[in-house]
Amino acid sequence: MAVSGIISAIIIGLIIGALGRLVVPGRQAIPIWMTVVIGIIAALIGSAIARGLGVATTPGIDWIELIIQVVLAAAGVVAAVALYRRRSVG
């Protein structure tokens, strides 16, 4: 993977992760780097799911793929908050 690919993955991960955090109500006590990692993973898995469903390449903006990615990021944020909270309490 080239440097430009890594930079674009981080930027897309930041955007998808931030959208995932916005969807989850309340305050999320996780660091920003974790949000970026969750966003990158959600973007990759969401793209694979969209490809599997046959909705990855549509004319214009791929809204279905974006929705899948944001939902996965939101689920990742919820899971990370639960794990992070449990780790800091115990």
Protein backbone atom coordinates (compact mmCIF):
# COMPACT_ATOMS: atom_id res chain seq x y z
CA MET A 1 0.00 0.00 0.00
CA ALA A 2 1.38 3.40 -0.98
CA VAL A 3 1.62 6.39 1.34
CA SER A 4 -1.33 8.04 -0.41
CA GLY A 5 -3.42 4.90 0.22
CA ILE A 6 -2.56 4.94 3.91
CA ILE A 7 -3.38 8.64 4.21
CA SER A 8 -6.69 8.23 2.40
CA ALA A 9 -7.57 5.21 4.62
CA ILE A 10 -6.92 7.33 7.72
CA ILE A 11 -9.02 10.22 6.40
CA ILE A 12 -11.90 7.94 5.39
CA GLY A 13 -11.62 6.13 8.74
CA LEU A 14 -11.79 9.43 10.57
CA ILE A 15 -14.90 10.49 8.66
CA ILE A 16 -16.69 7.12 8.99
CA GLY A 17 -15.68 6.84 12.66
CA ALA A 18 -16.89 10.38 13.39
CA LEU A 19 -20.22 9.66 11.67
CA GLY A 20 -20.50 6.46 13.72
CA ARG A 21 -19.90 8.44 16.92
CA LEU A 22 -22.53 10.98 15.91
CA VAL A 23 -25.13 8.24 15.46
CA VAL A 24 -24.53 6.85 18.97
CA PRO A 25 -26.34 8.93 21.61
CA GLY A 26 -24.54 10.20 24.69
CA ARG A 27 -20.88 10.78 25.43
CA GLN A 28 -18.35 8.23 24.20
CA ALA A 29 -15.30 8.06 26.43
CA ILE A 30 -12.91 6.54 23.88
CA PRO A 31 -9.80 8.15 22.40
CA ILE A 32 -9.84 9.63 18.90
CA TRP A 33 -7.32 7.09 17.62
CA MET A 34 -9.78 4.32 18.52
CA THR A 35 -12.49 6.14 16.57
CA VAL A 36 -10.20 6.27 13.53
CA VAL A 37 -9.34 2.56 13.81
CA ILE A 38 -13.04 1.66 14.17
CA GLY A 39 -13.83 3.85 11.16
CA ILE A 40 -11.15 2.22 9.00
CA ILE A 41 -12.31 -1.28 9.94
CA ALA A 42 -15.98 -0.34 9.40
CA ALA A 43 -15.18 1.18 6.01
CA LEU A 44 -13.33 -1.95 4.86
CA ILE A 45 -15.96 -4.40 6.13
CA GLY A 46 -18.80 -2.18 4.88
CA SER A 47 -17.28 -2.05 1.41
CA ALA A 48 -16.94 -5.84 1.37
CA ILE A 49 -20.57 -6.28 2.45
CA ALA A 50 -21.75 -3.78 -0.17
CA ARG A 51 -19.76 -5.62 -2.84
CA GLY A 52 -21.30 -8.91 -1.71
CA LEU A 53 -24.79 -7.42 -1.95
CA GLY A 54 -24.03 -5.91 -5.35
CA VAL A 55 -24.56 -2.29 -4.29
CA ALA A 56 -20.94 -1.12 -4.14
CA THR A 57 -20.95 0.58 -7.53
CA THR A 58 -23.96 2.72 -8.20
CA PRO A 59 -24.29 5.91 -10.23
CA GLY A 60 -23.44 8.91 -8.07
CA ILE A 61 -22.83 8.59 -4.35
CA ASP A 62 -22.94 5.06 -2.97
CA TRP A 63 -25.47 5.82 -0.22
CA ILE A 64 -26.20 2.20 0.66
CA GLU A 65 -22.50 1.45 1.10
CA LEU A 66 -22.07 4.59 3.22
CA ILE A 67 -25.03 3.66 5.42
CA ILE A 68 -23.63 0.15 5.93
CA GLN A 69 -20.24 1.62 6.89
CA VAL A 70 -21.73 4.12 9.34
CA VAL A 71 -23.93 1.46 10.98
CA LEU A 72 -20.89 -0.78 11.40
CA ALA A 73 -18.88 2.14 12.82
CA ALA A 74 -21.69 2.94 15.28
CA ALA A 75 -21.78 -0.70 16.40
CA GLY A 76 -17.99 -0.61 16.77
CA VAL A 77 -18.16 2.57 18.84
CA VAL A 78 -20.80 1.05 21.14
CA ALA A 79 -18.67 -2.08 21.59
CA ALA A 80 -15.50 -0.06 22.18
CA VAL A 81 -17.21 2.16 24.76
CA ALA A 82 -18.50 -0.92 26.61
CA LEU A 83 -15.06 -2.57 26.60
CA TYR A 84 -13.27 0.67 27.49
CA ARG A 85 -15.68 1.38 30.35
CA ARG A 86 -15.38 -2.17 31.71
CA ARG A 87 -11.58 -2.00 31.56
CA SER A 88 -11.41 1.33 33.40
CA VAL A 89 -13.91 0.29 36.12
CA GLY A 90 -12.27 -3.03 37.05
